[in-house]
Amino acid sequence: MTTLIIPIFNAKNIISKDFLETIKQYATFLDQVIVIDDGSCDDSASLFDGIDVDIVSNKKNLGFAKSVNIGLSMNKSKYVCILNQDCLIPSDWIRNAESFLDDNQKTAAVSGLILNKKGQIDTAGHMLWSDWVCTERFSGMPGKKICQAEEVFGLSATATVYRYAALKQAAVETEFFDESFGTYLEDVDLNIRLRHLDWESWIIPGDPAIHERGSTGVRHILKVRKKGTSNYLKIVFKNLSDNERMSASLFCAISFFWGFLKDPLAATFNPGDSTRLNIWREVIQNRRVCPEDKMKKWICGFRLNPFRRKG
């Protein structure tokens, strides 16, 4: 019923024994486990020796979006779970998600509470602000137990189970995640496209996952910071209607200026291929079925207000 996709990159000192033991258990009953080695130079794939997984080795680093798309193109299951190399999920995580998706046919994506190593909340889904930036709900707050399922605007691709039919519907040409994003905000972009098609995302009860957030090289951090503004503006250009862009323009400008003051490097902008952007925008807007008012209900307010807790 479910295929598990794990993109990895230079993970030999990141992937834990507990992670490998969990994957070994999942491999005994899932349809397929696909590991995408994204051009690692530390022989990361050898960690999975003796585990029933299919390994795809990219000749060079292609980024998270492209790597996951490769795995999704191989999928033949009804559901697909995307799992980060530094996130440890409970043994019943996928089974619980399958049951919820079976019972809720309008749901595209399901996850549970994800904590960090300190026991604080890493993410409880995404919340949308008036500048169309998404942040992690309750991030940094003390971990709490989820007692009942709760609909959220969208989910982080850290450890989420998706309905494959919904991903196919949200794809543009053969891309489920926009490959021009590389490794930043690609899940937010997908969340908005799913919402446009009236698909839902839910957080469900159960034992939490632990996101260890493995150490990252300085060069990679700088690369991600530079991609941030470009990918954010791509999201606004592709996914927002003319009216939504008009309403959000002031908040976007304030957010951009505030971000530049905090981190000038993060404001570096490379729009990429304008023809490609226009094609994506046309496809997304033409097939959109979710009205603007319904999307607007998810906007929590002005993001720079530190007292906003709504999510």
C-alpha atoms as a PDB file:
ATOM      1  CA  MET A   1       0.000   0.000   0.000  1.00  0.00           C
ATOM      2  CA  THR A   2       2.919   2.383   0.746  1.00  0.00           C
ATOM      3  CA  THR A   3       6.360   3.065  -0.684  1.00  0.00           C
ATOM      4  CA  LEU A   4       8.971   4.738   1.508  1.00  0.00           C
ATOM      5  CA  ILE A   5      11.380   7.186  -0.160  1.00  0.00           C
ATOM      6  CA  ILE A   6      14.525   8.291   1.686  1.00  0.00           C
ATOM      7  CA  PRO A   7      16.807  10.858   0.009  1.00  0.00           C
ATOM      8  CA  ILE A   8      20.304  10.796   1.530  1.00  0.00           C
ATOM      9  CA  PHE A   9      23.413  12.916   1.101  1.00  0.00           C
ATOM     10  CA  ASN A  10      26.733  12.439   2.917  1.00  0.00           C
ATOM     11  CA  ALA A  11      24.794  10.725   5.676  1.00  0.00           C
ATOM     12  CA  LYS A  12      27.345   8.310   7.100  1.00  0.00           C
ATOM     13  CA  ASN A  13      27.783  10.377  10.271  1.00  0.00           C
ATOM     14  CA  ILE A  14      24.124  11.392  10.432  1.00  0.00           C
ATOM     15  CA  ILE A  15      22.051   8.227  10.022  1.00  0.00           C
ATOM     16  CA  SER A  16      21.775   6.444  13.365  1.00  0.00           C
ATOM     17  CA  LYS A  17      21.598   2.748  14.189  1.00  0.00           C
ATOM     18  CA  ASP A  18      18.056   3.298  15.455  1.00  0.00           C
ATOM     19  CA  PHE A  19      17.120   4.819  12.090  1.00  0.00           C
ATOM     20  CA  LEU A  20      18.506   1.822  10.209  1.00  0.00           C
ATOM     21  CA  GLU A  21      16.759  -0.622  12.534  1.00  0.00           C
ATOM     22  CA  THR A  22      13.458   1.188  11.951  1.00  0.00           C
ATOM     23  CA  ILE A  23      13.914   1.062   8.175  1.00  0.00           C
ATOM     24  CA  LYS A  24      14.752  -2.644   8.406  1.00  0.00           C
ATOM     25  CA  GLN A  25      11.425  -3.242  10.185  1.00  0.00           C
ATOM     26  CA  TYR A  26       9.476  -1.163   7.681  1.00  0.00           C
ATOM     27  CA  ALA A  27      11.094  -2.979   4.759  1.00  0.00           C
ATOM     28  CA  THR A  28       9.460  -6.223   5.893  1.00  0.00           C
ATOM     29  CA  PHE A  29       5.894  -5.022   5.200  1.00  0.00           C
ATOM     30  CA  LEU A  30       5.984  -1.933   2.947  1.00  0.00           C
ATOM     31  CA  ASP A  31       5.575  -2.323  -0.805  1.00  0.00           C
ATOM     32  CA  GLN A  32       9.011  -0.845  -1.427  1.00  0.00           C
ATOM     33  CA  VAL A  33      11.747   1.206   0.234  1.00  0.00           C
ATOM     34  CA  ILE A  34      13.683   3.452  -2.152  1.00  0.00           C
ATOM     35  CA  VAL A  35      16.904   5.144  -1.044  1.00  0.00           C
ATOM     36  CA  ILE A  36      18.104   7.969  -3.300  1.00  0.00           C
ATOM     37  CA  ASP A  37      21.810   8.624  -2.739  1.00  0.00           C
ATOM     38  CA  ASP A  38      22.166  12.195  -3.981  1.00  0.00           C
ATOM     39  CA  GLY A  39      25.804  12.182  -5.042  1.00  0.00           C
ATOM     40  CA  SER A  40      27.320  11.344  -1.650  1.00  0.00           C
ATOM     41  CA  CYS A  41      31.092  11.133  -1.385  1.00  0.00           C
ATOM     42  CA  ASP A  42      31.175   9.130   1.867  1.00  0.00           C
ATOM     43  CA  ASP A  43      29.665   5.827   0.675  1.00  0.00           C
ATOM     44  CA  SER A  44      26.413   6.574   2.534  1.00  0.00           C
ATOM     45  CA  ALA A  45      24.477   3.926   0.620  1.00  0.00           C
ATOM     46  CA  SER A  46      26.545   1.151   2.216  1.00  0.00           C
ATOM     47  CA  LEU A  47      24.739   1.839   5.494  1.00  0.00           C
ATOM     48  CA  PHE A  48      21.742   0.024   4.024  1.00  0.00           C
ATOM     49  CA  ASP A  49      23.648  -3.176   3.225  1.00  0.00           C
ATOM     50  CA  GLY A  50      21.586  -6.143   4.381  1.00  0.00           C
ATOM     51  CA  ILE A  51      18.307  -4.194   4.328  1.00  0.00           C
ATOM     52  CA  ASP A  52      15.717  -4.879   1.629  1.00  0.00           C
ATOM     53  CA  VAL A  53      15.863  -1.497  -0.115  1.00  0.00           C
ATOM     54  CA  ASP A  54      16.282  -0.314  -3.697  1.00  0.00           C
ATOM     55  CA  ILE A  55      19.156   2.146  -4.015  1.00  0.00           C
ATOM     56  CA  VAL A  56      19.396   4.787  -6.725  1.00  0.00           C
ATOM     57  CA  SER A  57      22.750   6.583  -6.946  1.00  0.00           C
ATOM     58  CA  ASN A  58      22.822  10.044  -8.499  1.00  0.00           C
ATOM     59  CA  LYS A  59      26.124  10.768 -10.230  1.00  0.00           C
ATOM     60  CA  LYS A  60      26.087  14.283  -8.788  1.00  0.00           C
ATOM     61  CA  ASN A  61      24.137  16.185  -6.160  1.00  0.00           C
ATOM     62  CA  LEU A  62      20.753  17.097  -7.680  1.00  0.00           C
ATOM     63  CA  GLY A  63      19.008  18.464  -4.600  1.00  0.00           C
ATOM     64  CA  PHE A  64      16.111  17.238  -2.493  1.00  0.00           C
ATOM     65  CA  ALA A  65      13.329  18.026  -4.976  1.00  0.00           C
ATOM     66  CA  LYS A  66      14.900  16.225  -7.930  1.00  0.00           C
ATOM     67  CA  SER A  67      15.964  13.249  -5.814  1.00  0.00           C
ATOM     68  CA  VAL A  68      12.490  12.761  -4.356  1.00  0.00           C
ATOM     69  CA  ASN A  69      10.956  13.112  -7.825  1.00  0.00           C
ATOM     70  CA  ILE A  70      13.183  10.275  -9.013  1.00  0.00           C
ATOM     71  CA  GLY A  71      11.818   8.101  -6.217  1.00  0.00           C
ATOM     72  CA  LEU A  72       8.235   9.158  -6.907  1.00  0.00           C
ATOM     73  CA  SER A  73       8.616   8.257 -10.574  1.00  0.00           C
ATOM     74  CA  MET A  74       9.421   4.690  -9.456  1.00  0.00           C
ATOM     75  CA  ASN A  75       6.446   4.440  -7.112  1.00  0.00           C
ATOM     76  CA  LYS A  76       3.630   1.948  -7.777  1.00  0.00           C
ATOM     77  CA  SER A  77       1.858   2.240  -4.419  1.00  0.00           C
ATOM     78  CA  LYS A  78      -1.314   4.011  -3.350  1.00  0.00           C
ATOM     79  CA  TYR A  79       0.569   6.005  -0.728  1.00  0.00           C
ATOM     80  CA  VAL A  80       4.136   7.230  -0.474  1.00  0.00           C
ATOM     81  CA  CYS A  81       6.104   8.342   2.578  1.00  0.00           C
ATOM     82  CA  ILE A  82       8.956  10.818   2.243  1.00  0.00           C
ATOM     83  CA  LEU A  83      11.447  10.611   5.096  1.00  0.00           C
ATOM     84  CA  ASN A  84      14.512  12.716   5.861  1.00  0.00           C
ATOM     85  CA  GLN A  85      17.763  10.942   6.675  1.00  0.00           C
ATOM     86  CA  ASP A  86      17.874  12.571  10.125  1.00  0.00           C
ATOM     87  CA  CYS A  87      14.306  11.853  11.245  1.00  0.00           C
ATOM     88  CA  LEU A  88      13.432   8.822  13.372  1.00  0.00           C
ATOM     89  CA  ILE A  89       9.801   7.720  13.045  1.00  0.00           C
ATOM     90  CA  PRO A  90       7.921   5.287  15.332  1.00  0.00           C
ATOM     91  CA  SER A  91       7.196   1.785  14.081  1.00  0.00           C
ATOM     92  CA  ASP A  92       3.475   2.542  13.602  1.00  0.00           C
ATOM     93  CA  TRP A  93       3.893   5.974  11.939  1.00  0.00           C
ATOM     94  CA  ILE A  94       3.091   4.842   8.404  1.00  0.00           C
ATOM     95  CA  ARG A  95       0.350   2.389   9.424  1.00  0.00           C
ATOM     96  CA  ASN A  96      -1.468   5.159  11.313  1.00  0.00           C
ATOM     97  CA  ALA A  97      -1.200   7.457   8.298  1.00  0.00           C
ATOM     98  CA  GLU A  98      -2.492   4.742   5.951  1.00  0.00           C
ATOM     99  CA  SER A  99      -5.559   4.209   8.132  1.00  0.00           C
ATOM    100  CA  PHE A 100      -6.314   7.929   8.209  1.00  0.00           C
ATOM    101  CA  LEU A 101      -5.918   8.289   4.444  1.00  0.00           C
ATOM    102  CA  ASP A 102      -8.185   5.274   3.884  1.00  0.00           C
ATOM    103  CA  ASP A 103     -10.904   6.890   6.000  1.00  0.00           C
ATOM    104  CA  ASN A 104     -10.501  10.451   4.669  1.00  0.00           C
ATOM    105  CA  GLN A 105     -10.575  10.534   0.899  1.00  0.00           C
ATOM    106  CA  LYS A 106     -10.116  14.325   0.652  1.00  0.00           C
ATOM    107  CA  THR A 107      -6.798  14.141   2.487  1.00  0.00           C
ATOM    108  CA  ALA A 108      -3.577  14.351   0.473  1.00  0.00           C
ATOM    109  CA  ALA A 109      -0.974  14.388   3.235  1.00  0.00           C
ATOM    110  CA  VAL A 110      -0.687  13.077   6.790  1.00  0.00           C
ATOM    111  CA  SER A 111       1.980  13.432   9.439  1.00  0.00           C
ATOM    112  CA  GLY A 112       2.306  13.369  13.205  1.00  0.00           C
ATOM    113  CA  LEU A 113       3.997  15.582  15.744  1.00  0.00           C
ATOM    114  CA  ILE A 114       7.740  15.932  15.145  1.00  0.00           C
ATOM    115  CA  LEU A 115      10.053  16.876  18.020  1.00  0.00           C
ATOM    116  CA  ASN A 116      13.696  17.902  18.107  1.00  0.00           C
ATOM    117  CA  LYS A 117      16.370  16.203  20.202  1.00  0.00           C
ATOM    118  CA  LYS A 118      15.555  18.464  23.174  1.00  0.00           C
ATOM    119  CA  GLY A 119      11.945  17.324  23.239  1.00  0.00           C
ATOM    120  CA  GLN A 120      10.691  20.620  21.851  1.00  0.00           C
ATOM    121  CA  ILE A 121       8.324  20.808  18.898  1.00  0.00           C
ATOM    122  CA  ASP A 122      10.168  20.823  15.584  1.00  0.00           C
ATOM    123  CA  THR A 123       6.989  21.024  13.526  1.00  0.00           C
ATOM    124  CA  ALA A 124       3.280  20.424  13.934  1.00  0.00           C
ATOM    125  CA  GLY A 125       2.509  21.372  10.365  1.00  0.00           C
ATOM    126  CA  HIS A 126       2.843  24.628   8.451  1.00  0.00           C
ATOM    127  CA  MET A 127       1.093  27.904   9.199  1.00  0.00           C
ATOM    128  CA  LEU A 128       0.554  30.538   6.502  1.00  0.00           C
ATOM    129  CA  TRP A 129       1.145  34.265   7.033  1.00  0.00           C
ATOM    130  CA  SER A 130      -0.070  37.336   5.164  1.00  0.00           C
ATOM    131  CA  ASP A 131       3.208  37.608   3.229  1.00  0.00           C
ATOM    132  CA  TRP A 132       2.688  33.995   2.078  1.00  0.00           C
ATOM    133  CA  VAL A 133       5.626  32.720   4.068  1.00  0.00           C
ATOM    134  CA  CYS A 134       4.995  29.411   5.828  1.00  0.00           C
ATOM    135  CA  THR A 135       6.544  28.663   9.206  1.00  0.00           C
ATOM    136  CA  GLU A 136       6.552  25.566  11.412  1.00  0.00           C
ATOM    137  CA  ARG A 137       3.643  25.580  13.871  1.00  0.00           C
ATOM    138  CA  PHE A 138       4.686  25.837  17.535  1.00  0.00           C
ATOM    139  CA  SER A 139       8.369  25.326  16.681  1.00  0.00           C
ATOM    140  CA  GLY A 140      10.548  25.515  19.806  1.00  0.00           C
ATOM    141  CA  MET A 141       7.633  25.129  22.206  1.00  0.00           C
ATOM    142  CA  PRO A 142       7.533  22.264  24.738  1.00  0.00           C
ATOM    143  CA  GLY A 143       6.458  18.967  23.227  1.00  0.00           C
ATOM    144  CA  LYS A 144       2.831  18.054  23.771  1.00  0.00           C
ATOM    145  CA  LYS A 145       0.677  15.056  22.992  1.00  0.00           C
ATOM    146  CA  ILE A 146      -1.771  15.347  20.111  1.00  0.00           C
ATOM    147  CA  CYS A 147      -5.087  13.962  21.323  1.00  0.00           C
ATOM    148  CA  GLN A 148      -7.103  14.307  18.126  1.00  0.00           C
ATOM    149  CA  ALA A 149      -6.486  14.806  14.434  1.00  0.00           C
ATOM    150  CA  GLU A 150      -6.178  18.425  13.335  1.00  0.00           C
ATOM    151  CA  GLU A 151      -6.272  19.904   9.857  1.00  0.00           C
ATOM    152  CA  VAL A 152      -3.319  22.184   9.030  1.00  0.00           C
ATOM    153  CA  PHE A 153      -2.466  24.328   6.037  1.00  0.00           C
ATOM    154  CA  GLY A 154       0.331  22.011   4.952  1.00  0.00           C
ATOM    155  CA  LEU A 155       3.081  19.688   6.136  1.00  0.00           C
ATOM    156  CA  SER A 156       6.844  19.565   6.144  1.00  0.00           C
ATOM    157  CA  ALA A 157       8.298  16.873   3.894  1.00  0.00           C
ATOM    158  CA  THR A 158      10.475  15.749   6.823  1.00  0.00           C
ATOM    159  CA  ALA A 159       8.258  12.724   7.481  1.00  0.00           C
ATOM    160  CA  THR A 160       4.949  12.838   5.636  1.00  0.00           C
ATOM    161  CA  VAL A 161       2.759  10.200   4.012  1.00  0.00           C
ATOM    162  CA  TYR A 162       1.117  11.394   0.775  1.00  0.00           C
ATOM    163  CA  ARG A 163      -1.725  10.087  -1.337  1.00  0.00           C
ATOM    164  CA  TYR A 164       0.023   9.388  -4.642  1.00  0.00           C
ATOM    165  CA  ALA A 165      -3.040  10.317  -6.717  1.00  0.00           C
ATOM    166  CA  ALA A 166      -2.999  13.778  -5.124  1.00  0.00           C
ATOM    167  CA  LEU A 167       0.689  14.232  -5.908  1.00  0.00           C
ATOM    168  CA  LYS A 168       0.068  13.261  -9.535  1.00  0.00           C
ATOM    169  CA  GLN A 169      -2.753  15.764  -9.762  1.00  0.00           C
ATOM    170  CA  ALA A 170      -0.577  18.524  -8.277  1.00  0.00           C
ATOM    171  CA  ALA A 171       2.423  17.748 -10.488  1.00  0.00           C
ATOM    172  CA  VAL A 172       3.395  19.993 -13.376  1.00  0.00           C
ATOM    173  CA  GLU A 173       4.486  17.855 -16.304  1.00  0.00           C
ATOM    174  CA  THR A 174       6.602  15.168 -14.595  1.00  0.00           C
ATOM    175  CA  GLU A 175       7.630  17.195 -11.543  1.00  0.00           C
ATOM    176  CA  PHE A 176       5.892  16.563  -8.229  1.00  0.00           C
ATOM    177  CA  PHE A 177       8.262  18.892  -6.380  1.00  0.00           C
ATOM    178  CA  ASP A 178       9.517  21.872  -8.390  1.00  0.00           C
ATOM    179  CA  GLU A 179      13.085  20.847  -9.196  1.00  0.00           C
ATOM    180  CA  SER A 180      14.223  24.446  -9.676  1.00  0.00           C
ATOM    181  CA  PHE A 181      13.855  24.873  -5.900  1.00  0.00           C
ATOM    182  CA  GLY A 182      16.676  22.462  -5.126  1.00  0.00           C
ATOM    183  CA  THR A 183      16.558  22.005  -1.356  1.00  0.00           C
ATOM    184  CA  TYR A 184      14.497  24.801   0.180  1.00  0.00           C
ATOM    185  CA  LEU A 185      10.745  25.570   0.398  1.00  0.00           C
ATOM    186  CA  GLU A 186       9.881  22.853  -2.123  1.00  0.00           C
ATOM    187  CA  ASP A 187       7.411  21.354   0.359  1.00  0.00           C
ATOM    188  CA  VAL A 188       5.701  24.726   0.911  1.00  0.00           C
ATOM    189  CA  ASP A 189       5.271  25.100  -2.842  1.00  0.00           C
ATOM    190  CA  LEU A 190       3.698  21.633  -3.023  1.00  0.00           C
ATOM    191  CA  ASN A 191       1.415  22.402  -0.068  1.00  0.00           C
ATOM    192  CA  ILE A 192      -0.030  25.426  -1.863  1.00  0.00           C
ATOM    193  CA  ARG A 193      -0.569  23.479  -5.089  1.00  0.00           C
ATOM    194  CA  LEU A 194      -2.401  20.760  -3.163  1.00  0.00           C
ATOM    195  CA  ARG A 195      -4.579  23.391  -1.466  1.00  0.00           C
ATOM    196  CA  HIS A 196      -5.400  24.914  -4.858  1.00  0.00           C
ATOM    197  CA  LEU A 197      -6.830  21.518  -5.812  1.00  0.00           C
ATOM    198  CA  ASP A 198      -8.873  21.344  -2.582  1.00  0.00           C
ATOM    199  CA  TRP A 199      -6.775  18.611  -0.986  1.00  0.00           C
ATOM    200  CA  GLU A 200      -6.371  18.587   2.798  1.00  0.00           C
ATOM    201  CA  SER A 201      -3.388  18.020   5.121  1.00  0.00           C
ATOM    202  CA  TRP A 202      -3.710  16.639   8.646  1.00  0.00           C
ATOM    203  CA  ILE A 203      -1.668  16.087  11.802  1.00  0.00           C
ATOM    204  CA  ILE A 204      -2.789  12.908  13.585  1.00  0.00           C
ATOM    205  CA  PRO A 205      -2.284  11.477  17.103  1.00  0.00           C
ATOM    206  CA  GLY A 206       0.450   8.992  17.899  1.00  0.00           C
ATOM    207  CA  ASP A 207       3.974   8.790  19.230  1.00  0.00           C
ATOM    208  CA  PRO A 208       6.106  11.675  17.926  1.00  0.00           C
ATOM    209  CA  ALA A 209       8.957  11.425  15.459  1.00  0.00           C
ATOM    210  CA  ILE A 210      12.366  12.845  16.375  1.00  0.00           C
ATOM    211  CA  HIS A 211      14.076  15.168  13.908  1.00  0.00           C
ATOM    212  CA  GLU A 212      17.765  15.170  14.758  1.00  0.00           C
ATOM    213  CA  ARG A 213      18.736  17.786  12.151  1.00  0.00           C
ATOM    214  CA  GLY A 214      22.181  16.489  11.267  1.00  0.00           C
ATOM    215  CA  SER A 215      25.060  18.927  11.039  1.00  0.00           C
ATOM    216  CA  THR A 216      25.406  20.771   7.754  1.00  0.00           C
ATOM    217  CA  GLY A 217      28.471  22.254   6.103  1.00  0.00           C
ATOM    218  CA  VAL A 218      28.944  26.031   5.983  1.00  0.00           C
ATOM    219  CA  ARG A 219      28.970  26.069   2.180  1.00  0.00           C
ATOM    220  CA  HIS A 220      25.624  24.281   2.078  1.00  0.00           C
ATOM    221  CA  ILE A 221      24.122  26.706   4.615  1.00  0.00           C
ATOM    222  CA  LEU A 222      25.202  29.681   2.495  1.00  0.00           C
ATOM    223  CA  LYS A 223      23.722  28.033  -0.599  1.00  0.00           C
ATOM    224  CA  VAL A 224      20.389  27.476   1.152  1.00  0.00           C
ATOM    225  CA  ARG A 225      20.279  31.071   2.397  1.00  0.00           C
ATOM    226  CA  LYS A 226      20.854  32.357  -1.115  1.00  0.00           C
ATOM    227  CA  LYS A 227      18.070  30.122  -2.445  1.00  0.00           C
ATOM    228  CA  GLY A 228      15.595  31.289   0.189  1.00  0.00           C
ATOM    229  CA  THR A 229      14.448  34.546  -1.362  1.00  0.00           C
ATOM    230  CA  SER A 230      14.471  33.185  -4.905  1.00  0.00           C
ATOM    231  CA  ASN A 231      12.275  30.237  -3.984  1.00  0.00           C
ATOM    232  CA  TYR A 232       9.958  32.385  -1.881  1.00  0.00           C
ATOM    233  CA  LEU A 233       9.370  34.808  -4.761  1.00  0.00           C
ATOM    234  CA  LYS A 234       8.824  31.883  -7.130  1.00  0.00           C
ATOM    235  CA  ILE A 235       6.093  30.641  -4.796  1.00  0.00           C
ATOM    236  CA  VAL A 236       4.394  34.046  -4.851  1.00  0.00           C
ATOM    237  CA  PHE A 237       4.661  34.397  -8.635  1.00  0.00           C
ATOM    238  CA  LYS A 238       3.492  30.881  -9.526  1.00  0.00           C
ATOM    239  CA  ASN A 239       0.812  30.164  -6.979  1.00  0.00           C
ATOM    240  CA  LEU A 240      -0.977  33.389  -6.104  1.00  0.00           C
ATOM    241  CA  SER A 241      -3.810  34.798  -8.191  1.00  0.00           C
ATOM    242  CA  ASP A 242      -3.608  38.428  -9.321  1.00  0.00           C
ATOM    243  CA  ASN A 243      -5.896  39.455  -6.454  1.00  0.00           C
ATOM    244  CA  GLU A 244      -3.864  37.502  -3.905  1.00  0.00           C
ATOM    245  CA  ARG A 245      -0.628  39.045  -5.121  1.00  0.00           C
ATOM    246  CA  MET A 246      -2.175  42.515  -4.873  1.00  0.00           C
ATOM    247  CA  SER A 247      -3.340  41.863  -1.309  1.00  0.00           C
ATOM    248  CA  ALA A 248      -0.018  40.352  -0.280  1.00  0.00           C
ATOM    249  CA  SER A 249       2.283  42.844  -2.028  1.00  0.00           C
ATOM    250  CA  LEU A 250       2.749  45.210   0.928  1.00  0.00           C
ATOM    251  CA  PHE A 251       3.371  42.362   3.363  1.00  0.00           C
ATOM    252  CA  CYS A 252       5.788  40.726   0.914  1.00  0.00           C
ATOM    253  CA  ALA A 253       7.729  43.980   0.532  1.00  0.00           C
ATOM    254  CA  ILE A 254       7.949  44.488   4.302  1.00  0.00           C
ATOM    255  CA  SER A 255       8.976  40.878   4.819  1.00  0.00           C
ATOM    256  CA  PHE A 256      11.649  41.127   2.121  1.00  0.00           C
ATOM    257  CA  PHE A 257      13.060  44.371   3.565  1.00  0.00           C
ATOM    258  CA  TRP A 258      13.046  42.970   7.099  1.00  0.00           C
ATOM    259  CA  GLY A 259      14.805  39.837   5.886  1.00  0.00           C
ATOM    260  CA  PHE A 260      17.429  41.916   4.085  1.00  0.00           C
ATOM    261  CA  LEU A 261      18.212  43.853   7.278  1.00  0.00           C
ATOM    262  CA  LYS A 262      18.580  40.607   9.224  1.00  0.00           C
ATOM    263  CA  ASP A 263      20.604  38.777   6.588  1.00  0.00           C
ATOM    264  CA  PRO A 264      21.673  40.592   3.378  1.00  0.00           C
ATOM    265  CA  LEU A 265      22.980  37.344   1.887  1.00  0.00           C
ATOM    266  CA  ALA A 266      19.548  35.737   2.192  1.00  0.00           C
ATOM    267  CA  ALA A 267      18.080  38.478   0.001  1.00  0.00           C
ATOM    268  CA  THR A 268      20.134  37.372  -3.008  1.00  0.00           C
ATOM    269  CA  PHE A 269      17.646  36.768  -5.814  1.00  0.00           C
ATOM    270  CA  ASN A 270      18.024  34.684  -8.944  1.00  0.00           C
ATOM    271  CA  PRO A 271      14.659  34.332 -10.714  1.00  0.00           C
ATOM    272  CA  GLY A 272      15.878  31.512 -12.951  1.00  0.00           C
ATOM    273  CA  ASP A 273      14.110  30.643 -16.203  1.00  0.00           C
ATOM    274  CA  SER A 274      11.261  33.149 -16.694  1.00  0.00           C
ATOM    275  CA  THR A 275       9.698  31.035 -19.456  1.00  0.00           C
ATOM    276  CA  ARG A 276       9.530  28.060 -17.108  1.00  0.00           C
ATOM    277  CA  LEU A 277       8.004  30.189 -14.353  1.00  0.00           C
ATOM    278  CA  ASN A 278       5.297  31.443 -16.701  1.00  0.00           C
ATOM    279  CA  ILE A 279       4.466  27.907 -17.840  1.00  0.00           C
ATOM    280  CA  TRP A 280       4.118  26.723 -14.246  1.00  0.00           C
ATOM    281  CA  ARG A 281       1.970  29.727 -13.338  1.00  0.00           C
ATOM    282  CA  GLU A 282      -0.377  29.141 -16.265  1.00  0.00           C
ATOM    283  CA  VAL A 283      -0.827  25.454 -15.431  1.00  0.00           C
ATOM    284  CA  ILE A 284      -1.369  26.097 -11.718  1.00  0.00           C
ATOM    285  CA  GLN A 285      -3.833  28.952 -12.155  1.00  0.00           C
ATOM    286  CA  ASN A 286      -5.847  27.247 -14.912  1.00  0.00           C
ATOM    287  CA  ARG A 287      -6.532  24.115 -12.879  1.00  0.00           C
ATOM    288  CA  ARG A 288      -7.105  25.811  -9.527  1.00  0.00           C
ATOM    289  CA  VAL A 289     -10.453  24.938  -7.930  1.00  0.00           C
ATOM    290  CA  CYS A 290     -10.039  26.315  -4.394  1.00  0.00           C
ATOM    291  CA  PRO A 291     -11.567  29.822  -4.194  1.00  0.00           C
ATOM    292  CA  GLU A 292      -9.542  32.721  -2.819  1.00  0.00           C
ATOM    293  CA  ASP A 293     -11.803  33.117   0.229  1.00  0.00           C
ATOM    294  CA  LYS A 294     -11.252  29.503   1.238  1.00  0.00           C
ATOM    295  CA  MET A 295      -7.482  29.904   0.943  1.00  0.00           C
ATOM    296  CA  LYS A 296      -7.615  33.181   2.871  1.00  0.00           C
ATOM    297  CA  LYS A 297      -8.977  31.472   5.996  1.00  0.00           C
ATOM    298  CA  TRP A 298      -5.562  29.877   6.514  1.00  0.00           C
ATOM    299  CA  ILE A 299      -3.730  33.216   6.739  1.00  0.00           C
ATOM    300  CA  CYS A 300      -2.832  33.795  10.387  1.00  0.00           C
ATOM    301  CA  GLY A 301      -1.964  37.491  10.197  1.00  0.00           C
ATOM    302  CA  PHE A 302       1.174  39.582   9.882  1.00  0.00           C
ATOM    303  CA  ARG A 303       4.213  37.375  10.487  1.00  0.00           C
ATOM    304  CA  LEU A 304       6.336  40.047  12.211  1.00  0.00           C
ATOM    305  CA  ASN A 305       3.918  40.123  15.158  1.00  0.00           C
ATOM    306  CA  PRO A 306       5.773  37.957  17.732  1.00  0.00           C
ATOM    307  CA  PHE A 307       2.627  37.402  19.796  1.00  0.00           C
ATOM    308  CA  ARG A 308       0.635  35.599  17.131  1.00  0.00           C
ATOM    309  CA  ARG A 309       0.076  31.995  18.207  1.00  0.00           C
ATOM    310  CA  LYS A 310      -2.732  31.080  15.831  1.00  0.00           C
ATOM    311  CA  GLY A 311      -1.994  28.063  13.703  1.00  0.00           C
END
